[in-house]
């Protein structure tokens, strides 16, 4: 089991990886930023660009802060992807389909925006994350977010996983470019 991260470790990790993410994406040409690279998980006929992946990261980070706030506010189902509207359980496949549908809607809403506008989405999401982090006690950071599959499932772990998420998506972007080059 992973040790719970300290508050300063979470912030340092988020800041380091955000700086890396911004520098990495800013170094891309406009052609690379907006050319198709990976199929959408929701609709494989739709291709995502590097810019779409960057917008996705902001959407997910915002979702994580909402889930945490909902949980701390008393919600018993803060993740909300594991149940249907009638309260019946979804299969893992149905839950992932709901996540992919939500993600695709977010990405479509922001597709085609200039790089600076996509960066601003991430800045807004990160500001919310850091404000939430500052407001939490050490005990709250260690609390388990019900049914959270990310990191160690703790609130602190879920906040910190935003850093790893960016690197994972950039790896997929590069793999998508390599795969299209090899085709």
C-alpha atoms as a PDB file:
ATOM      1  CA  UNK A   1       0.000   0.000   0.000  1.00  0.00           C
ATOM      2  CA  UNK A   2       1.280   3.464  -0.893  1.00  0.00           C
ATOM      3  CA  UNK A   3       2.101   5.886   1.893  1.00  0.00           C
ATOM      4  CA  UNK A   4      -0.124   8.936   2.035  1.00  0.00           C
ATOM      5  CA  UNK A   5       1.602  11.925   0.470  1.00  0.00           C
ATOM      6  CA  UNK A   6       2.270  14.989   2.575  1.00  0.00           C
ATOM      7  CA  UNK A   7       0.593  18.246   1.542  1.00  0.00           C
ATOM      8  CA  UNK A   8       3.875  19.747   0.333  1.00  0.00           C
ATOM      9  CA  UNK A   9       4.648  16.611  -1.708  1.00  0.00           C
ATOM     10  CA  UNK A  10       1.298  16.838  -3.477  1.00  0.00           C
ATOM     11  CA  UNK A  11       1.816  20.507  -4.315  1.00  0.00           C
ATOM     12  CA  UNK A  12       5.413  19.993  -5.451  1.00  0.00           C
ATOM     13  CA  UNK A  13       4.405  17.076  -7.673  1.00  0.00           C
ATOM     14  CA  UNK A  14       1.506  19.023  -9.191  1.00  0.00           C
ATOM     15  CA  UNK A  15       3.670  22.087  -9.839  1.00  0.00           C
ATOM     16  CA  UNK A  16       6.615  20.130 -11.289  1.00  0.00           C
ATOM     17  CA  UNK A  17       4.468  18.127 -13.643  1.00  0.00           C
ATOM     18  CA  UNK A  18       2.321  21.104 -14.669  1.00  0.00           C
ATOM     19  CA  UNK A  19       5.476  23.021 -15.622  1.00  0.00           C
ATOM     20  CA  UNK A  20       6.709  19.986 -17.589  1.00  0.00           C
ATOM     21  CA  UNK A  21       3.331  19.647 -19.308  1.00  0.00           C
ATOM     22  CA  UNK A  22       3.176  23.321 -20.308  1.00  0.00           C
ATOM     23  CA  UNK A  23       6.761  23.381 -21.580  1.00  0.00           C
ATOM     24  CA  UNK A  24       6.266  20.134 -23.506  1.00  0.00           C
ATOM     25  CA  UNK A  25       3.049  21.228 -25.221  1.00  0.00           C
ATOM     26  CA  UNK A  26       4.303  24.786 -25.841  1.00  0.00           C
ATOM     27  CA  UNK A  27       7.281  23.308 -27.716  1.00  0.00           C
ATOM     28  CA  UNK A  28       4.953  21.587 -30.207  1.00  0.00           C
ATOM     29  CA  UNK A  29       4.333  23.163 -33.577  1.00  0.00           C
ATOM     30  CA  UNK A  30       0.760  24.207 -34.346  1.00  0.00           C
ATOM     31  CA  UNK A  31       0.611  21.326 -36.828  1.00  0.00           C
ATOM     32  CA  UNK A  32       1.615  18.807 -34.169  1.00  0.00           C
ATOM     33  CA  UNK A  33      -0.664  20.343 -31.565  1.00  0.00           C
ATOM     34  CA  UNK A  34      -3.773  20.022 -33.702  1.00  0.00           C
ATOM     35  CA  UNK A  35      -3.125  16.999 -35.938  1.00  0.00           C
ATOM     36  CA  UNK A  36      -5.006  13.769 -35.186  1.00  0.00           C
ATOM     37  CA  UNK A  37      -3.073  11.269 -33.100  1.00  0.00           C
ATOM     38  CA  UNK A  38      -5.340   8.875 -31.158  1.00  0.00           C
ATOM     39  CA  UNK A  39      -8.875   7.547 -31.564  1.00  0.00           C
ATOM     40  CA  UNK A  40     -11.476   8.672 -29.064  1.00  0.00           C
ATOM     41  CA  UNK A  41     -12.348   6.048 -26.456  1.00  0.00           C
ATOM     42  CA  UNK A  42     -16.022   7.011 -26.873  1.00  0.00           C
ATOM     43  CA  UNK A  43     -16.175   7.158 -30.666  1.00  0.00           C
ATOM     44  CA  UNK A  44     -13.182   5.486 -32.348  1.00  0.00           C
ATOM     45  CA  UNK A  45     -14.118   7.171 -35.646  1.00  0.00           C
ATOM     46  CA  UNK A  46     -13.216  10.496 -34.009  1.00  0.00           C
ATOM     47  CA  UNK A  47      -9.536  11.280 -33.665  1.00  0.00           C
ATOM     48  CA  UNK A  48      -8.086  13.310 -30.824  1.00  0.00           C
ATOM     49  CA  UNK A  49      -5.230  15.763 -31.240  1.00  0.00           C
ATOM     50  CA  UNK A  50      -2.568  16.645 -28.674  1.00  0.00           C
ATOM     51  CA  UNK A  51      -4.652  19.756 -27.900  1.00  0.00           C
ATOM     52  CA  UNK A  52      -7.675  17.528 -27.233  1.00  0.00           C
ATOM     53  CA  UNK A  53      -5.612  15.489 -24.769  1.00  0.00           C
ATOM     54  CA  UNK A  54      -4.541  18.697 -23.022  1.00  0.00           C
ATOM     55  CA  UNK A  55      -8.161  19.885 -22.775  1.00  0.00           C
ATOM     56  CA  UNK A  56      -9.163  16.453 -21.449  1.00  0.00           C
ATOM     57  CA  UNK A  57      -6.677  16.810 -18.589  1.00  0.00           C
ATOM     58  CA  UNK A  58      -8.355  20.025 -17.434  1.00  0.00           C
ATOM     59  CA  UNK A  59     -11.780  18.409 -17.566  1.00  0.00           C
ATOM     60  CA  UNK A  60     -10.714  15.406 -15.519  1.00  0.00           C
ATOM     61  CA  UNK A  61      -8.929  17.562 -12.958  1.00  0.00           C
ATOM     62  CA  UNK A  62     -12.125  19.568 -12.534  1.00  0.00           C
ATOM     63  CA  UNK A  63     -14.087  16.333 -12.147  1.00  0.00           C
ATOM     64  CA  UNK A  64     -11.719  15.154  -9.424  1.00  0.00           C
ATOM     65  CA  UNK A  65     -12.164  18.348  -7.392  1.00  0.00           C
ATOM     66  CA  UNK A  66     -15.946  18.066  -7.795  1.00  0.00           C
ATOM     67  CA  UNK A  67     -15.908  14.457  -6.603  1.00  0.00           C
ATOM     68  CA  UNK A  68     -13.838  15.355  -3.548  1.00  0.00           C
ATOM     69  CA  UNK A  69     -16.013  18.356  -2.675  1.00  0.00           C
ATOM     70  CA  UNK A  70     -19.147  16.241  -3.109  1.00  0.00           C
ATOM     71  CA  UNK A  71     -17.747  13.524  -0.835  1.00  0.00           C
ATOM     72  CA  UNK A  72     -16.721  16.002   1.851  1.00  0.00           C
ATOM     73  CA  UNK A  73     -20.162  17.582   1.512  1.00  0.00           C
ATOM     74  CA  UNK A  74     -21.826  14.280   2.375  1.00  0.00           C
ATOM     75  CA  UNK A  75     -22.396  12.564  -0.981  1.00  0.00           C
ATOM     76  CA  UNK A  76     -22.325   8.794  -0.680  1.00  0.00           C
ATOM     77  CA  UNK A  77     -21.709   8.406  -4.416  1.00  0.00           C
ATOM     78  CA  UNK A  78     -19.268  11.182  -5.317  1.00  0.00           C
ATOM     79  CA  UNK A  79     -17.789   9.419  -8.333  1.00  0.00           C
ATOM     80  CA  UNK A  80     -21.265   8.790  -9.764  1.00  0.00           C
ATOM     81  CA  UNK A  81     -20.175   6.545 -12.646  1.00  0.00           C
ATOM     82  CA  UNK A  82     -20.860   3.243 -10.930  1.00  0.00           C
ATOM     83  CA  UNK A  83     -24.646   3.624 -10.696  1.00  0.00           C
ATOM     84  CA  UNK A  84     -27.457   4.205 -13.145  1.00  0.00           C
ATOM     85  CA  UNK A  85     -29.993   6.973 -12.570  1.00  0.00           C
ATOM     86  CA  UNK A  86     -32.322   4.434 -10.925  1.00  0.00           C
ATOM     87  CA  UNK A  87     -29.608   3.467  -8.411  1.00  0.00           C
ATOM     88  CA  UNK A  88     -28.820   0.089  -9.956  1.00  0.00           C
ATOM     89  CA  UNK A  89     -25.167  -0.844 -10.312  1.00  0.00           C
ATOM     90  CA  UNK A  90     -23.357  -0.449 -13.607  1.00  0.00           C
ATOM     91  CA  UNK A  91     -20.855  -2.967 -14.855  1.00  0.00           C
ATOM     92  CA  UNK A  92     -17.251  -1.791 -15.083  1.00  0.00           C
ATOM     93  CA  UNK A  93     -17.724  -1.590 -18.848  1.00  0.00           C
ATOM     94  CA  UNK A  94     -20.843   0.590 -18.465  1.00  0.00           C
ATOM     95  CA  UNK A  95     -19.049   2.839 -15.966  1.00  0.00           C
ATOM     96  CA  UNK A  96     -16.119   3.341 -18.351  1.00  0.00           C
ATOM     97  CA  UNK A  97     -18.527   4.041 -21.220  1.00  0.00           C
ATOM     98  CA  UNK A  98     -20.104   6.802 -19.101  1.00  0.00           C
ATOM     99  CA  UNK A  99     -16.662   8.245 -18.327  1.00  0.00           C
ATOM    100  CA  UNK A 100     -15.686   8.197 -22.009  1.00  0.00           C
ATOM    101  CA  UNK A 101     -18.976   9.833 -23.015  1.00  0.00           C
ATOM    102  CA  UNK A 102     -18.471  12.631 -20.463  1.00  0.00           C
ATOM    103  CA  UNK A 103     -14.876  13.098 -21.570  1.00  0.00           C
ATOM    104  CA  UNK A 104     -15.800  13.223 -25.239  1.00  0.00           C
ATOM    105  CA  UNK A 105     -18.458  15.874 -24.566  1.00  0.00           C
ATOM    106  CA  UNK A 106     -15.889  18.008 -22.703  1.00  0.00           C
ATOM    107  CA  UNK A 107     -13.283  17.649 -25.446  1.00  0.00           C
ATOM    108  CA  UNK A 108     -15.798  18.499 -28.193  1.00  0.00           C
ATOM    109  CA  UNK A 109     -16.824  21.608 -26.262  1.00  0.00           C
ATOM    110  CA  UNK A 110     -13.217  22.829 -26.332  1.00  0.00           C
ATOM    111  CA  UNK A 111     -11.977  21.404 -29.649  1.00  0.00           C
ATOM    112  CA  UNK A 112     -10.502  23.979 -31.990  1.00  0.00           C
ATOM    113  CA  UNK A 113      -9.764  26.544 -29.293  1.00  0.00           C
ATOM    114  CA  UNK A 114      -6.356  28.197 -29.479  1.00  0.00           C
ATOM    115  CA  UNK A 115      -3.548  26.789 -27.358  1.00  0.00           C
ATOM    116  CA  UNK A 116      -3.709  29.721 -24.912  1.00  0.00           C
ATOM    117  CA  UNK A 117      -7.410  29.062 -24.239  1.00  0.00           C
ATOM    118  CA  UNK A 118      -6.715  25.382 -23.573  1.00  0.00           C
ATOM    119  CA  UNK A 119      -3.875  26.342 -21.230  1.00  0.00           C
ATOM    120  CA  UNK A 120      -6.325  28.641 -19.419  1.00  0.00           C
ATOM    121  CA  UNK A 121      -8.695  25.687 -18.900  1.00  0.00           C
ATOM    122  CA  UNK A 122      -5.870  23.859 -17.179  1.00  0.00           C
ATOM    123  CA  UNK A 123      -4.984  26.926 -15.126  1.00  0.00           C
ATOM    124  CA  UNK A 124      -8.561  27.192 -13.874  1.00  0.00           C
ATOM    125  CA  UNK A 125      -8.651  23.504 -12.984  1.00  0.00           C
ATOM    126  CA  UNK A 126      -5.254  23.642 -11.266  1.00  0.00           C
ATOM    127  CA  UNK A 127      -6.252  26.753  -9.307  1.00  0.00           C
ATOM    128  CA  UNK A 128      -9.309  24.857  -8.023  1.00  0.00           C
ATOM    129  CA  UNK A 129      -7.132  21.864  -7.134  1.00  0.00           C
ATOM    130  CA  UNK A 130      -4.625  23.987  -5.216  1.00  0.00           C
ATOM    131  CA  UNK A 131      -7.388  25.904  -3.421  1.00  0.00           C
ATOM    132  CA  UNK A 132      -8.992  22.615  -2.413  1.00  0.00           C
ATOM    133  CA  UNK A 133      -5.635  21.218  -1.287  1.00  0.00           C
ATOM    134  CA  UNK A 134      -5.053  24.315   0.866  1.00  0.00           C
ATOM    135  CA  UNK A 135      -8.465  23.944   2.488  1.00  0.00           C
ATOM    136  CA  UNK A 136      -8.069  20.303   3.526  1.00  0.00           C
ATOM    137  CA  UNK A 137      -6.710  18.976   6.794  1.00  0.00           C
ATOM    138  CA  UNK A 138      -4.120  16.221   6.894  1.00  0.00           C
ATOM    139  CA  UNK A 139      -6.841  13.855   8.048  1.00  0.00           C
ATOM    140  CA  UNK A 140      -9.019  14.760   5.069  1.00  0.00           C
ATOM    141  CA  UNK A 141      -6.131  14.197   2.650  1.00  0.00           C
ATOM    142  CA  UNK A 142      -5.806  10.658   4.024  1.00  0.00           C
ATOM    143  CA  UNK A 143      -9.533   9.862   3.719  1.00  0.00           C
ATOM    144  CA  UNK A 144     -10.461   7.308   1.075  1.00  0.00           C
ATOM    145  CA  UNK A 145     -12.695   8.612  -1.701  1.00  0.00           C
ATOM    146  CA  UNK A 146     -15.330   5.858  -2.046  1.00  0.00           C
ATOM    147  CA  UNK A 147     -14.709   3.631  -5.076  1.00  0.00           C
ATOM    148  CA  UNK A 148     -11.826   5.783  -6.331  1.00  0.00           C
ATOM    149  CA  UNK A 149      -9.604   3.618  -8.537  1.00  0.00           C
ATOM    150  CA  UNK A 150      -6.835   6.239  -8.784  1.00  0.00           C
ATOM    151  CA  UNK A 151      -3.547   6.151  -6.882  1.00  0.00           C
ATOM    152  CA  UNK A 152      -4.141   4.802  -3.368  1.00  0.00           C
ATOM    153  CA  UNK A 153      -7.757   5.998  -3.369  1.00  0.00           C
ATOM    154  CA  UNK A 154      -7.062   8.710  -0.805  1.00  0.00           C
ATOM    155  CA  UNK A 155      -8.115  12.297  -1.415  1.00  0.00           C
ATOM    156  CA  UNK A 156      -4.448  13.322  -1.451  1.00  0.00           C
ATOM    157  CA  UNK A 157      -3.631  10.550  -3.897  1.00  0.00           C
ATOM    158  CA  UNK A 158      -6.473  11.539  -6.212  1.00  0.00           C
ATOM    159  CA  UNK A 159      -5.288  15.161  -6.199  1.00  0.00           C
ATOM    160  CA  UNK A 160      -1.689  14.110  -6.899  1.00  0.00           C
ATOM    161  CA  UNK A 161      -2.611  11.738  -9.725  1.00  0.00           C
ATOM    162  CA  UNK A 162      -3.372  14.765 -11.906  1.00  0.00           C
ATOM    163  CA  UNK A 163       0.402  15.093 -12.338  1.00  0.00           C
ATOM    164  CA  UNK A 164       0.842  11.535 -13.613  1.00  0.00           C
ATOM    165  CA  UNK A 165      -2.221  11.873 -15.836  1.00  0.00           C
ATOM    166  CA  UNK A 166      -0.548  14.508 -18.015  1.00  0.00           C
ATOM    167  CA  UNK A 167       2.562  12.404 -18.630  1.00  0.00           C
ATOM    168  CA  UNK A 168       0.427   9.369 -19.453  1.00  0.00           C
ATOM    169  CA  UNK A 169      -1.557  11.301 -22.062  1.00  0.00           C
ATOM    170  CA  UNK A 170       1.541  12.783 -23.655  1.00  0.00           C
ATOM    171  CA  UNK A 171       2.968   9.270 -23.964  1.00  0.00           C
ATOM    172  CA  UNK A 172      -0.243   8.259 -25.789  1.00  0.00           C
ATOM    173  CA  UNK A 173       0.048  11.299 -28.060  1.00  0.00           C
ATOM    174  CA  UNK A 174       3.604  10.311 -29.032  1.00  0.00           C
ATOM    175  CA  UNK A 175       2.578   6.685 -29.554  1.00  0.00           C
ATOM    176  CA  UNK A 176      -0.281   7.854 -31.779  1.00  0.00           C
ATOM    177  CA  UNK A 177       2.073   9.938 -33.904  1.00  0.00           C
ATOM    178  CA  UNK A 178       4.537   7.042 -34.180  1.00  0.00           C
ATOM    179  CA  UNK A 179       1.787   4.624 -35.130  1.00  0.00           C
ATOM    180  CA  UNK A 180       0.466   6.928 -37.873  1.00  0.00           C
ATOM    181  CA  UNK A 181       4.013   7.456 -39.169  1.00  0.00           C
ATOM    182  CA  UNK A 182       4.596   3.689 -39.313  1.00  0.00           C
ATOM    183  CA  UNK A 183       1.277   3.006 -41.081  1.00  0.00           C
END
